[in-house]
């Protein structure tokens, strides 16, 4: 009877190690930094790109993330929602730190700029530019 108990306990123990697919996985600093570097590549100038890759190569992932987010904010580039979701999940690891406050501020600035309402365009305004707009095709 004790062998049945051991089998049962072993089965329960091995089952408890199965990951919960509903539970979000932890995103490492390195993964987050590389994800951002790829997503925001067009926002980085040559100099900023060089500094970012030096930081990535030397393991300074948090510095690279802050640099990239700062450039995205300055450039006004939008980020895909999946990146925002990953950033928010990743930031849980910095809960209560000064880095979290800085990074959440950057994210808020980027997100607010990303979702600005588009101003209405007056079709009779001669200041409109672009061949399609001047031709009346909007």
C-alpha atoms as a PDB file:
ATOM      1  CA  UNK A   1       0.000   0.000   0.000  1.00  0.00           C
ATOM      2  CA  UNK A   2       2.835   2.383   0.697  1.00  0.00           C
ATOM      3  CA  UNK A   3       4.117   1.973  -2.874  1.00  0.00           C
ATOM      4  CA  UNK A   4       0.738   3.190  -4.145  1.00  0.00           C
ATOM      5  CA  UNK A   5       0.999   6.200  -1.896  1.00  0.00           C
ATOM      6  CA  UNK A   6       4.489   6.996  -3.213  1.00  0.00           C
ATOM      7  CA  UNK A   7       3.313   6.737  -6.799  1.00  0.00           C
ATOM      8  CA  UNK A   8       0.369   8.952  -6.022  1.00  0.00           C
ATOM      9  CA  UNK A   9       2.558  11.523  -4.259  1.00  0.00           C
ATOM     10  CA  UNK A  10       5.106  11.470  -7.076  1.00  0.00           C
ATOM     11  CA  UNK A  11       2.351  11.968  -9.636  1.00  0.00           C
ATOM     12  CA  UNK A  12       0.948  14.921  -7.706  1.00  0.00           C
ATOM     13  CA  UNK A  13       4.425  16.370  -7.256  1.00  0.00           C
ATOM     14  CA  UNK A  14       5.316  16.127 -10.951  1.00  0.00           C
ATOM     15  CA  UNK A  15       1.933  17.589 -11.906  1.00  0.00           C
ATOM     16  CA  UNK A  16       2.497  20.612  -9.651  1.00  0.00           C
ATOM     17  CA  UNK A  17       5.526  21.584 -11.757  1.00  0.00           C
ATOM     18  CA  UNK A  18       3.481  21.982 -14.929  1.00  0.00           C
ATOM     19  CA  UNK A  19       3.418  25.710 -15.727  1.00  0.00           C
ATOM     20  CA  UNK A  20       0.111  27.507 -15.571  1.00  0.00           C
ATOM     21  CA  UNK A  21      -0.546  28.827 -19.080  1.00  0.00           C
ATOM     22  CA  UNK A  22      -2.781  31.573 -17.690  1.00  0.00           C
ATOM     23  CA  UNK A  23       0.012  32.917 -15.487  1.00  0.00           C
ATOM     24  CA  UNK A  24       2.211  35.463 -17.311  1.00  0.00           C
ATOM     25  CA  UNK A  25       5.853  34.502 -17.653  1.00  0.00           C
ATOM     26  CA  UNK A  26       8.592  36.792 -16.362  1.00  0.00           C
ATOM     27  CA  UNK A  27      10.280  38.930 -19.012  1.00  0.00           C
ATOM     28  CA  UNK A  28      14.007  39.413 -18.419  1.00  0.00           C
ATOM     29  CA  UNK A  29      15.732  42.786 -18.686  1.00  0.00           C
ATOM     30  CA  UNK A  30      17.758  41.458 -21.623  1.00  0.00           C
ATOM     31  CA  UNK A  31      14.680  40.201 -23.487  1.00  0.00           C
ATOM     32  CA  UNK A  32      12.837  43.480 -22.901  1.00  0.00           C
ATOM     33  CA  UNK A  33      15.812  45.550 -24.046  1.00  0.00           C
ATOM     34  CA  UNK A  34      16.267  43.565 -27.250  1.00  0.00           C
ATOM     35  CA  UNK A  35      12.534  43.603 -27.956  1.00  0.00           C
ATOM     36  CA  UNK A  36      12.535  47.389 -27.645  1.00  0.00           C
ATOM     37  CA  UNK A  37      15.721  47.793 -29.692  1.00  0.00           C
ATOM     38  CA  UNK A  38      14.090  45.935 -32.562  1.00  0.00           C
ATOM     39  CA  UNK A  39      10.702  47.678 -32.259  1.00  0.00           C
ATOM     40  CA  UNK A  40      12.170  51.180 -31.964  1.00  0.00           C
ATOM     41  CA  UNK A  41      15.079  50.854 -34.376  1.00  0.00           C
ATOM     42  CA  UNK A  42      13.848  53.654 -36.649  1.00  0.00           C
ATOM     43  CA  UNK A  43      13.648  56.087 -33.693  1.00  0.00           C
ATOM     44  CA  UNK A  44      17.315  55.685 -32.855  1.00  0.00           C
ATOM     45  CA  UNK A  45      19.876  57.926 -34.521  1.00  0.00           C
ATOM     46  CA  UNK A  46      23.187  56.341 -35.497  1.00  0.00           C
ATOM     47  CA  UNK A  47      24.819  57.595 -32.298  1.00  0.00           C
ATOM     48  CA  UNK A  48      21.909  56.475 -30.092  1.00  0.00           C
ATOM     49  CA  UNK A  49      21.833  53.096 -31.815  1.00  0.00           C
ATOM     50  CA  UNK A  50      25.561  52.642 -31.181  1.00  0.00           C
ATOM     51  CA  UNK A  51      25.198  53.578 -27.502  1.00  0.00           C
ATOM     52  CA  UNK A  52      22.210  51.247 -27.164  1.00  0.00           C
ATOM     53  CA  UNK A  53      24.090  48.275 -28.595  1.00  0.00           C
ATOM     54  CA  UNK A  54      27.136  49.018 -26.429  1.00  0.00           C
ATOM     55  CA  UNK A  55      24.825  49.002 -23.383  1.00  0.00           C
ATOM     56  CA  UNK A  56      23.161  45.784 -24.538  1.00  0.00           C
ATOM     57  CA  UNK A  57      26.516  44.133 -25.176  1.00  0.00           C
ATOM     58  CA  UNK A  58      27.858  45.130 -21.773  1.00  0.00           C
ATOM     59  CA  UNK A  59      24.780  43.872 -19.924  1.00  0.00           C
ATOM     60  CA  UNK A  60      23.423  47.342 -19.071  1.00  0.00           C
ATOM     61  CA  UNK A  61      19.917  46.388 -20.160  1.00  0.00           C
ATOM     62  CA  UNK A  62      18.068  48.855 -17.942  1.00  0.00           C
ATOM     63  CA  UNK A  63      20.129  51.757 -19.313  1.00  0.00           C
ATOM     64  CA  UNK A  64      19.394  50.588 -22.855  1.00  0.00           C
ATOM     65  CA  UNK A  65      15.672  50.371 -22.099  1.00  0.00           C
ATOM     66  CA  UNK A  66      15.611  53.900 -20.667  1.00  0.00           C
ATOM     67  CA  UNK A  67      17.596  55.237 -23.644  1.00  0.00           C
ATOM     68  CA  UNK A  68      15.257  53.587 -26.142  1.00  0.00           C
ATOM     69  CA  UNK A  69      12.087  54.741 -24.397  1.00  0.00           C
ATOM     70  CA  UNK A  70      13.457  58.294 -24.147  1.00  0.00           C
ATOM     71  CA  UNK A  71      14.180  58.319 -27.885  1.00  0.00           C
ATOM     72  CA  UNK A  72      10.758  56.892 -28.697  1.00  0.00           C
ATOM     73  CA  UNK A  73       9.170  59.671 -26.615  1.00  0.00           C
ATOM     74  CA  UNK A  74      11.277  62.407 -28.256  1.00  0.00           C
ATOM     75  CA  UNK A  75      10.686  60.992 -31.734  1.00  0.00           C
ATOM     76  CA  UNK A  76       6.950  60.615 -31.145  1.00  0.00           C
ATOM     77  CA  UNK A  77       7.079  57.065 -32.439  1.00  0.00           C
ATOM     78  CA  UNK A  78       4.226  54.746 -31.565  1.00  0.00           C
ATOM     79  CA  UNK A  79       4.829  51.313 -30.123  1.00  0.00           C
ATOM     80  CA  UNK A  80       2.638  48.264 -30.719  1.00  0.00           C
ATOM     81  CA  UNK A  81       0.256  47.422 -27.879  1.00  0.00           C
ATOM     82  CA  UNK A  82       1.993  44.088 -27.392  1.00  0.00           C
ATOM     83  CA  UNK A  83       5.171  46.012 -26.488  1.00  0.00           C
ATOM     84  CA  UNK A  84       3.235  48.114 -23.951  1.00  0.00           C
ATOM     85  CA  UNK A  85       1.810  44.916 -22.463  1.00  0.00           C
ATOM     86  CA  UNK A  86       5.269  43.363 -22.211  1.00  0.00           C
ATOM     87  CA  UNK A  87       6.701  46.556 -20.696  1.00  0.00           C
ATOM     88  CA  UNK A  88       3.985  46.649 -18.054  1.00  0.00           C
ATOM     89  CA  UNK A  89       4.563  42.989 -17.178  1.00  0.00           C
ATOM     90  CA  UNK A  90       8.314  43.513 -17.090  1.00  0.00           C
ATOM     91  CA  UNK A  91       7.979  46.609 -14.878  1.00  0.00           C
ATOM     92  CA  UNK A  92       6.352  44.522 -12.142  1.00  0.00           C
ATOM     93  CA  UNK A  93       9.867  43.362 -11.341  1.00  0.00           C
ATOM     94  CA  UNK A  94      10.795  46.948 -10.426  1.00  0.00           C
ATOM     95  CA  UNK A  95       7.741  47.609  -8.243  1.00  0.00           C
ATOM     96  CA  UNK A  96       8.406  50.323  -5.674  1.00  0.00           C
ATOM     97  CA  UNK A  97      11.785  51.355  -7.096  1.00  0.00           C
ATOM     98  CA  UNK A  98      12.805  54.730  -8.494  1.00  0.00           C
ATOM     99  CA  UNK A  99      13.432  53.017 -11.837  1.00  0.00           C
ATOM    100  CA  UNK A 100       9.775  51.977 -11.936  1.00  0.00           C
ATOM    101  CA  UNK A 101       8.652  55.588 -11.401  1.00  0.00           C
ATOM    102  CA  UNK A 102      10.927  56.905 -14.172  1.00  0.00           C
ATOM    103  CA  UNK A 103       9.963  54.184 -16.617  1.00  0.00           C
ATOM    104  CA  UNK A 104       6.216  54.422 -15.915  1.00  0.00           C
ATOM    105  CA  UNK A 105       6.503  58.174 -16.528  1.00  0.00           C
ATOM    106  CA  UNK A 106       8.175  57.546 -19.887  1.00  0.00           C
ATOM    107  CA  UNK A 107       5.526  54.986 -20.811  1.00  0.00           C
ATOM    108  CA  UNK A 108       2.724  57.370 -19.861  1.00  0.00           C
ATOM    109  CA  UNK A 109       4.264  60.103 -22.045  1.00  0.00           C
ATOM    110  CA  UNK A 110       4.661  57.732 -24.990  1.00  0.00           C
ATOM    111  CA  UNK A 111       1.165  56.327 -24.626  1.00  0.00           C
ATOM    112  CA  UNK A 112      -0.457  59.775 -24.330  1.00  0.00           C
ATOM    113  CA  UNK A 113       1.362  60.955 -27.457  1.00  0.00           C
ATOM    114  CA  UNK A 114       0.394  57.809 -29.289  1.00  0.00           C
ATOM    115  CA  UNK A 115      -3.315  58.301 -28.704  1.00  0.00           C
ATOM    116  CA  UNK A 116      -3.691  62.017 -29.415  1.00  0.00           C
ATOM    117  CA  UNK A 117      -6.914  62.794 -31.289  1.00  0.00           C
ATOM    118  CA  UNK A 118      -6.419  63.551 -34.950  1.00  0.00           C
ATOM    119  CA  UNK A 119      -7.450  67.146 -35.683  1.00  0.00           C
ATOM    120  CA  UNK A 120     -10.234  67.685 -38.176  1.00  0.00           C
ATOM    121  CA  UNK A 121      -9.118  68.912 -41.591  1.00  0.00           C
ATOM    122  CA  UNK A 122     -10.992  71.658 -43.365  1.00  0.00           C
ATOM    123  CA  UNK A 123     -11.210  70.566 -47.025  1.00  0.00           C
ATOM    124  CA  UNK A 124     -11.349  74.200 -48.161  1.00  0.00           C
ATOM    125  CA  UNK A 125      -8.136  75.192 -46.307  1.00  0.00           C
ATOM    126  CA  UNK A 126      -5.490  76.173 -48.925  1.00  0.00           C
ATOM    127  CA  UNK A 127      -2.718  75.440 -46.390  1.00  0.00           C
ATOM    128  CA  UNK A 128      -3.250  71.696 -46.746  1.00  0.00           C
ATOM    129  CA  UNK A 129      -0.330  69.957 -48.368  1.00  0.00           C
ATOM    130  CA  UNK A 130       0.214  66.824 -50.336  1.00  0.00           C
ATOM    131  CA  UNK A 131      -0.915  66.055 -53.886  1.00  0.00           C
ATOM    132  CA  UNK A 132      -3.829  63.859 -52.808  1.00  0.00           C
ATOM    133  CA  UNK A 133      -5.206  66.528 -50.490  1.00  0.00           C
ATOM    134  CA  UNK A 134      -4.740  69.348 -53.030  1.00  0.00           C
ATOM    135  CA  UNK A 135      -6.556  67.231 -55.623  1.00  0.00           C
ATOM    136  CA  UNK A 136      -9.472  66.784 -53.228  1.00  0.00           C
ATOM    137  CA  UNK A 137      -8.789  63.107 -52.597  1.00  0.00           C
ATOM    138  CA  UNK A 138      -8.771  62.568 -48.862  1.00  0.00           C
END
